[in-house]
Protein backbone atom coordinates (compact mmCIF):
# COMPACT_ATOMS: atom_id res chain seq x y z
CA MET A 1 -77.18 94.54 112.69
CA ASN A 2 -77.78 98.30 111.77
CA GLU A 3 -75.70 101.08 111.81
CA LYS A 4 -75.70 101.74 115.50
CA GLU A 5 -74.85 97.79 116.58
CA GLN A 6 -72.21 97.73 114.71
CA LEU A 7 -70.59 101.44 115.23
CA ILE A 8 -70.78 99.74 118.93
CA LEU A 9 -69.19 96.62 117.93
CA THR A 10 -66.52 98.26 116.84
CA LEU A 11 -65.84 100.42 119.48
CA VAL A 12 -66.34 96.85 121.88
CA ARG A 13 -63.35 95.53 119.82
CA GLN A 14 -61.14 98.19 120.69
CA ASN A 15 -61.97 98.38 123.96
CA PRO A 16 -63.81 95.39 125.35
CA PHE A 17 -64.09 96.88 128.79
CA ILE A 18 -65.69 100.44 127.86
CA THR A 19 -68.65 101.25 129.77
CA GLN A 20 -72.42 102.01 128.86
CA ASN A 21 -71.55 105.82 129.35
CA GLU A 22 -68.76 105.63 127.60
CA LEU A 23 -70.50 104.39 124.51
CA ALA A 24 -72.91 106.93 124.71
CA GLU A 25 -71.08 109.97 124.59
CA ARG A 26 -68.79 108.72 121.83
CA LEU A 27 -72.10 107.82 120.06
CA GLY A 28 -73.83 110.76 121.02
CA LEU A 29 -76.72 108.46 122.39
CA SER A 30 -78.51 108.37 125.64
CA ARG A 31 -77.47 105.36 127.93
CA SER A 32 -80.90 103.82 127.96
CA ALA A 33 -80.57 103.56 123.95
CA VAL A 34 -77.06 101.99 124.03
CA ALA A 35 -78.78 99.56 127.01
CA GLY A 36 -81.03 98.59 124.29
CA TYR A 37 -78.58 97.63 121.17
CA ILE A 38 -76.41 95.83 123.90
CA SER A 39 -79.32 94.09 124.77
CA SER A 40 -80.04 93.02 120.97
CA LEU A 41 -76.32 92.50 120.00
CA THR A 42 -76.40 90.24 123.38
CA LYS A 43 -79.40 88.48 121.89
CA GLN A 44 -77.82 87.98 118.15
CA GLY A 45 -74.81 86.07 119.90
CA LYS A 46 -72.75 89.39 118.70
CA ILE A 47 -71.90 90.16 122.32
CA ILE A 48 -71.42 87.51 124.87
CA GLY A 49 -71.88 88.38 128.80
CA ARG A 50 -71.15 91.36 131.06
CA ALA A 51 -68.11 92.12 130.11
CA TYR A 52 -68.76 92.49 126.59
CA VAL A 53 -67.02 89.65 125.57
CA LEU A 54 -66.82 88.95 121.62
CA PRO A 55 -67.82 85.40 120.37
CA GLU A 56 -64.54 83.56 119.03
CA ALA A 57 -64.85 83.02 115.36
CA SER A 58 -63.91 78.91 115.59
CA ARG A 59 -65.37 77.86 118.96
CA ILE A 60 -67.49 74.69 118.23
CA VAL A 61 -70.31 74.49 120.93
CA CYS A 62 -71.37 70.29 121.53
CA ILE A 63 -75.11 70.00 123.67
CA GLY A 64 -75.79 66.55 125.04
CA GLY A 65 -74.62 64.29 127.26
CA ALA A 66 -71.72 64.00 129.94
CA ASN A 67 -71.67 60.34 131.72
CA VAL A 68 -69.51 58.17 133.91
CA ASP A 69 -69.05 55.16 132.25
CA ARG A 70 -68.10 51.78 133.90
CA LYS A 71 -66.72 48.44 133.17
CA ALA A 72 -66.70 45.53 134.99
CA GLN A 73 -65.07 42.19 133.59
CA LEU A 74 -65.63 38.78 135.29
CA LEU A 75 -62.69 36.63 135.71
CA SER A 76 -64.72 33.35 135.38
CA ALA A 77 -67.95 32.09 134.28
CA ILE A 78 -70.76 34.37 135.46
CA GLN A 79 -72.47 32.82 138.76
CA LEU A 80 -76.01 34.04 139.38
CA GLY A 81 -77.29 34.87 142.83
CA THR A 82 -73.84 35.43 144.19
CA SER A 83 -71.00 37.43 144.61
CA ASN A 84 -68.81 37.54 140.95
CA PRO A 85 -65.07 38.65 141.17
CA VAL A 86 -64.51 41.43 138.27
CA THR A 87 -61.53 44.37 137.42
CA MET A 88 -63.33 47.44 136.96
CA THR A 89 -62.57 50.32 135.02
CA GLN A 90 -63.86 53.77 134.77
CA THR A 91 -63.53 56.12 132.39
CA CYS A 92 -65.58 59.83 131.29
CA GLY A 93 -68.32 59.15 128.94
CA GLY A 94 -71.05 60.90 126.57
CA VAL A 95 -71.26 61.26 123.28
CA ALA A 96 -70.96 65.13 123.01
CA ARG A 97 -68.72 65.05 126.24
CA ASN A 98 -66.58 62.78 123.91
CA ILE A 99 -66.75 64.85 120.99
CA ALA A 100 -65.88 67.92 122.77
CA GLU A 101 -62.74 66.11 124.05
CA ASN A 102 -61.57 64.52 120.59
CA LEU A 103 -62.07 68.13 119.23
CA GLY A 104 -60.29 69.72 122.39
CA ARG A 105 -57.45 67.36 121.84
CA LEU A 106 -57.24 68.22 117.95
CA GLY A 107 -56.41 72.07 119.02
CA GLN A 108 -59.85 73.36 118.63
CA SER A 109 -61.73 75.77 120.66
CA VAL A 110 -65.01 73.71 122.20
CA SER A 111 -67.36 74.25 124.93
CA LEU A 112 -69.83 71.67 126.20
CA VAL A 113 -73.08 72.38 127.30
CA THR A 114 -74.60 69.48 129.78
CA VAL A 115 -75.40 68.67 132.98
CA ALA A 116 -74.18 66.63 135.97
CA GLY A 117 -75.16 65.79 139.29
CA ASP A 118 -74.13 67.94 142.62
CA ASP A 119 -72.20 64.81 143.75
CA GLN A 120 -68.40 62.76 143.40
CA GLU A 121 -68.81 61.49 139.61
CA GLY A 122 -69.90 64.97 138.61
CA ALA A 123 -67.19 66.72 140.22
CA TRP A 124 -64.80 63.79 139.05
CA LEU A 125 -66.29 64.45 135.36
CA LEU A 126 -66.59 67.64 134.28
CA SER A 127 -62.72 68.60 136.02
CA ALA A 128 -61.67 65.59 133.93
CA THR A 129 -63.44 67.35 130.80
CA SER A 130 -61.85 70.55 131.52
CA ALA A 131 -58.53 69.75 130.86
CA TYR A 132 -59.58 70.13 127.10
CA VAL A 133 -62.94 71.51 127.23
CA ASP A 134 -64.70 74.77 128.27
CA THR A 135 -66.90 73.59 130.88
CA SER A 136 -68.26 77.34 131.98
CA GLN A 137 -71.49 76.56 130.38
CA ALA A 138 -72.16 72.95 131.79
CA VAL A 139 -74.97 73.22 135.30
CA LYS A 140 -74.50 70.90 138.44
CA MET A 141 -78.17 69.87 139.24
CA GLU A 142 -78.92 69.22 142.84
CA GLN A 143 -80.94 66.14 143.95
CA ALA A 144 -79.78 64.25 140.38
CA ASN A 145 -77.29 61.85 139.87
CA THR A 146 -75.03 62.49 137.29
CA GLY A 147 -75.60 60.23 134.21
CA THR A 148 -73.92 56.56 134.40
CA TYR A 149 -73.61 53.77 132.22
CA THR A 150 -72.33 50.40 133.51
CA ALA A 151 -71.26 47.25 131.55
CA VAL A 152 -70.69 43.88 132.97
CA LEU A 153 -68.80 41.99 130.42
CA ASP A 154 -68.36 38.13 130.91
CA ASP A 155 -65.04 36.03 131.03
CA ARG A 156 -64.92 36.80 126.89
CA GLY A 157 -65.61 39.83 126.82
CA GLU A 158 -69.08 39.77 125.83
CA MET A 159 -71.45 42.15 127.19
CA VAL A 160 -73.52 40.32 129.83
CA VAL A 161 -76.01 43.57 130.74
CA ALA A 162 -75.77 47.16 130.70
CA LEU A 163 -76.90 49.36 133.45
CA ALA A 164 -77.77 53.07 132.74
CA ASP A 165 -79.23 55.68 134.89
CA MET A 166 -79.58 58.87 132.18
CA ALA A 167 -82.60 60.41 134.42
CA ILE A 168 -80.95 63.40 134.82
CA TYR A 169 -81.48 64.56 130.66
CA ASP A 170 -85.34 64.30 132.11
CA HIS A 171 -84.68 67.47 133.55
CA VAL A 172 -83.54 69.53 131.20
CA THR A 173 -86.06 71.93 129.55
CA SER A 174 -85.78 74.48 126.86
CA ASP A 175 -85.42 77.25 128.76
CA PHE A 176 -81.98 75.86 129.91
CA VAL A 177 -81.32 76.10 126.32
CA GLN A 178 -82.50 79.38 126.12
CA LYS A 179 -80.24 80.71 128.94
CA ARG A 180 -77.67 80.23 126.82
CA TRP A 181 -78.46 80.99 123.71
CA PRO A 182 -76.19 83.73 123.21
CA HIS A 183 -72.86 81.33 124.05
CA LEU A 184 -74.63 79.12 121.00
CA SER A 185 -75.55 81.50 118.68
CA SER A 186 -71.84 82.82 118.38
CA ALA A 187 -70.32 79.54 117.41
CA SER A 188 -68.81 78.55 114.50
CA ALA A 189 -70.81 74.97 114.75
CA VAL A 190 -72.80 73.74 116.64
CA LEU A 191 -72.99 69.88 117.57
CA LEU A 192 -76.01 68.13 119.11
CA ASP A 193 -76.64 64.99 120.28
CA THR A 194 -80.16 62.88 121.11
CA ASN A 195 -79.98 62.96 125.11
CA PHE A 196 -81.88 65.26 126.05
CA PRO A 197 -85.84 65.31 125.71
CA SER A 198 -87.35 65.86 122.58
CA ALA A 199 -88.65 69.68 122.71
CA VAL A 200 -84.97 70.79 123.44
CA LEU A 201 -83.75 68.74 120.65
CA ARG A 202 -86.73 70.99 118.64
CA LEU A 203 -85.90 73.92 120.10
CA VAL A 204 -81.88 73.91 119.06
CA ILE A 205 -83.09 72.69 115.43
CA GLU A 206 -85.45 75.37 115.40
CA ARG A 207 -82.91 78.56 116.49
CA CYS A 208 -79.80 77.23 114.39
CA ARG A 209 -82.35 77.23 111.28
CA GLU A 210 -83.44 81.05 112.29
CA GLU A 211 -80.43 82.56 112.89
CA ASN A 212 -78.17 80.42 110.52
CA VAL A 213 -75.83 78.79 112.78
CA PRO A 214 -74.03 75.42 111.49
CA LEU A 215 -75.48 72.15 112.99
CA CYS A 216 -74.42 68.69 113.23
CA ILE A 217 -76.34 66.03 114.97
CA ALA A 218 -74.94 63.05 116.22
CA PRO A 219 -77.62 60.32 117.40
CA VAL A 220 -76.44 58.20 120.62
CA SER A 221 -78.63 55.27 119.60
CA ALA A 222 -81.61 53.90 117.64
CA PRO A 223 -84.08 54.48 120.25
CA LYS A 224 -82.99 58.18 121.01
CA VAL A 225 -82.86 58.61 117.59
CA LYS A 226 -86.39 58.94 117.77
CA LYS A 227 -87.01 61.95 119.81
CA LEU A 228 -86.00 63.96 116.45
CA PRO A 229 -88.49 66.13 115.10
CA ASN A 230 -90.11 65.39 111.68
CA ASP A 231 -89.07 68.67 110.68
CA LEU A 232 -85.18 68.79 109.97
CA ARG A 233 -84.73 71.85 108.30
CA GLY A 234 -81.58 73.59 109.64
CA VAL A 235 -79.73 70.72 110.20
CA THR A 236 -76.49 71.17 108.45
CA TRP A 237 -75.01 67.59 108.79
CA LEU A 238 -76.28 64.41 110.26
CA ILE A 239 -73.89 61.66 111.23
CA ALA A 240 -75.44 58.33 112.08
CA ASN A 241 -74.51 54.96 112.00
CA GLU A 242 -77.02 52.83 109.57
CA ASN A 243 -79.28 51.58 112.54
CA GLU A 244 -79.74 54.92 113.77
CA ALA A 245 -80.20 56.26 110.06
CA LEU A 246 -82.73 53.31 109.25
CA ALA A 247 -84.70 53.97 112.68
CA LEU A 248 -85.10 57.75 112.29
CA ALA A 249 -86.22 57.03 108.13
CA LYS A 250 -88.55 53.96 109.74
CA SER A 251 -86.79 51.76 107.30
CA LYS A 252 -88.28 48.50 107.36
CA ASP A 253 -86.09 46.86 104.12
CA GLY A 254 -82.79 47.70 105.36
CA ASN A 255 -81.66 49.71 102.49
CA ALA A 256 -79.21 52.52 103.92
CA GLU A 257 -79.37 54.71 100.25
CA ALA A 258 -83.29 55.09 100.91
CA ALA A 259 -82.85 56.16 104.34
CA SER A 260 -80.60 58.83 103.74
CA ASP A 261 -82.99 59.75 100.88
CA HIS A 262 -85.78 60.22 103.14
CA ILE A 263 -83.78 62.28 105.75
CA LEU A 264 -82.70 64.16 103.27
CA SER A 265 -86.29 65.04 102.85
CA LEU A 266 -86.66 66.38 106.16
CA GLY A 267 -84.69 69.11 105.45
CA VAL A 268 -81.23 67.99 106.52
CA GLU A 269 -78.15 69.06 104.12
CA HIS A 270 -75.69 66.46 104.49
CA VAL A 271 -76.35 62.94 105.63
CA ILE A 272 -73.10 60.91 106.43
CA ILE A 273 -73.79 56.99 107.21
CA THR A 274 -70.84 55.46 109.54
CA ARG A 275 -71.33 51.24 108.37
CA GLY A 276 -68.33 50.18 110.45
CA ALA A 277 -66.23 47.97 107.95
CA GLN A 278 -67.88 48.90 105.10
CA GLY A 279 -66.66 52.59 105.44
CA ILE A 280 -69.49 55.38 105.49
CA MET A 281 -71.96 56.50 102.44
CA TYR A 282 -72.81 60.47 102.04
CA LYS A 283 -75.61 62.06 100.61
CA THR A 284 -76.37 66.12 100.12
CA GLN A 285 -79.41 67.97 99.34
CA ARG A 286 -77.14 69.05 95.97
CA GLY A 287 -77.16 65.95 94.75
CA GLU A 288 -73.65 65.23 95.59
CA GLN A 289 -73.61 61.63 96.70
CA GLY A 290 -70.52 58.65 97.18
CA MET A 291 -68.89 56.31 99.26
CA ILE A 292 -65.78 56.26 100.74
CA PRO A 293 -64.31 52.69 101.58
CA ALA A 294 -62.18 51.93 105.09
CA PRO A 295 -58.88 50.91 104.68
CA ASN A 296 -58.25 47.60 106.44
CA ILE A 297 -56.44 47.86 110.09
CA ASP A 298 -56.50 45.97 113.33
CA VAL A 299 -59.42 46.49 115.08
CA VAL A 300 -58.33 46.98 119.08
CA ASP A 301 -61.58 47.98 119.87
CA VAL A 302 -64.55 49.77 118.40
CA THR A 303 -65.82 52.16 121.42
CA GLY A 304 -65.37 55.63 120.50
CA ALA A 305 -65.26 55.01 117.17
CA GLY A 306 -68.38 56.94 116.23
CA ASP A 307 -67.80 59.93 118.21
CA ALA A 308 -64.25 60.15 116.75
CA PHE A 309 -65.23 59.95 113.69
CA VAL A 310 -67.43 63.33 113.92
CA SER A 311 -65.02 65.09 115.88
CA GLY A 312 -62.82 64.77 113.06
CA PHE A 313 -65.00 65.69 110.50
CA LEU A 314 -66.52 68.76 112.56
CA TYR A 315 -62.30 69.45 112.90
CA GLY A 316 -62.15 69.43 108.89
CA ILE A 317 -65.08 71.65 108.86
CA ASN A 318 -63.74 74.10 111.09
CA GLN A 319 -60.29 74.27 109.32
CA GLY A 320 -62.46 75.12 106.03
CA LYS A 321 -61.75 71.55 104.38
CA SER A 322 -64.20 70.62 101.69
CA PHE A 323 -66.91 67.95 102.69
CA VAL A 324 -65.21 65.21 101.20
CA ASP A 325 -61.73 66.22 102.50
CA ALA A 326 -63.56 66.29 106.17
CA CYS A 327 -64.80 62.94 105.66
CA GLU A 328 -61.63 61.64 105.04
CA LEU A 329 -60.10 63.14 108.14
CA GLY A 330 -63.28 61.77 110.38
CA MET A 331 -62.24 58.48 109.10
CA SER A 332 -58.88 59.20 109.91
CA ALA A 333 -59.86 59.92 113.60
CA SER A 334 -61.80 56.90 113.74
CA ILE A 335 -58.92 54.67 112.83
CA ILE A 336 -57.14 56.21 115.60
CA ALA A 337 -59.64 55.51 117.99
CA LEU A 338 -60.13 51.75 116.48
CA GLN A 339 -56.36 50.85 117.27
CA THR A 340 -57.11 51.61 121.36
CA LYS A 341 -59.01 50.50 123.90
CA GLU A 342 -59.70 54.24 125.10
CA THR A 343 -62.85 55.31 124.69
CA VAL A 344 -60.87 59.19 123.50
CA CYS A 345 -57.40 57.89 122.60
CA SER A 346 -55.01 59.78 124.70
CA ARG A 347 -52.43 60.62 121.70
CA LEU A 348 -54.79 62.28 119.74
CA ASN A 349 -53.53 65.65 118.58
CA GLU A 350 -53.55 67.33 115.20
CA HIS A 351 -50.26 65.82 114.26
CA VAL A 352 -51.57 62.20 114.52
CA LEU A 353 -54.51 62.94 113.07
CA ASN A 354 -52.87 64.59 109.76
CA GLU A 355 -50.01 61.96 109.88
CA THR A 356 -52.95 59.26 109.43
CA HIS A 357 -54.69 60.97 106.85
CA GLN A 358 -51.80 61.28 104.80
CA GLN A 359 -51.22 57.16 105.48
CA TYR A 360 -54.71 56.05 104.42
CA PHE A 361 -56.08 58.43 102.43
CA CYS A 362 -53.55 61.02 99.76
């Protein structure tokens, strides 16, 4: 920022509703000159919106998928070619959305940049999410279905088949991100999942690198991690499970440590690989490396544990914790998720998280 831009920011902080004419008069500038400086500040993410809204110092922006997840549990052995009785449940889903809700429940200021259909599912999904997350940056797309994931489980709870309708994400373009960049660039951190097209992922990574915005990537799956570009400079943290890390590294020998070395060579600053009951391993560009074992707990359901880890980790980073402490908070959030059938645990809050961290890691 130059001196004039800094002076404008100071005046806006004092009065967010100050007009351009008033700014011009106070600074001895023409109104057109003030308009130019404000345009520059908006592009930099220092000012948001027409009312000169200043960025929140600790807001996290989550970019990616928001789905309706359905689970159909068969009540008896499956019979093909005919109707089968089931019990059906419906929950909110999507990696970026789940992480955003977890962060909201942890008392963090968080917003969600996503797309949903202009349909009943989309309205329900965004309404349910908005209780904990700012959804003002979400867009409803006409003539597109809200993303859905439907799993059919047999009478023993094993998956028979899963059906995913995620075509809506193919319609997301780079322009979608560009229009929302002032909102993104003013964040304390950005979380990106890999649901959107490769060009969109590349743009977010490049712009975060250019503007020094801390960026965390959470791959959705081993196939979708392959959407990421080869140049990952600008990615502050990449948090993946073992299968996703091996897929990104194009590993054929299944060596997770070698995979983390390869990912670091692509430009990522910190690599965290979650390994289920084995805990996590991490490596950084600064030469730090280590493992944190997972405590022994009774697991009810693994669904949502990975998303919970990312949420707890970002919570820790946002609270100014060290990298290792943030990893422990991530594992604490996972422990809470593993002990419920809910994808996002309804009892999650800062007190429960810190209490769990104290119990297992202190």
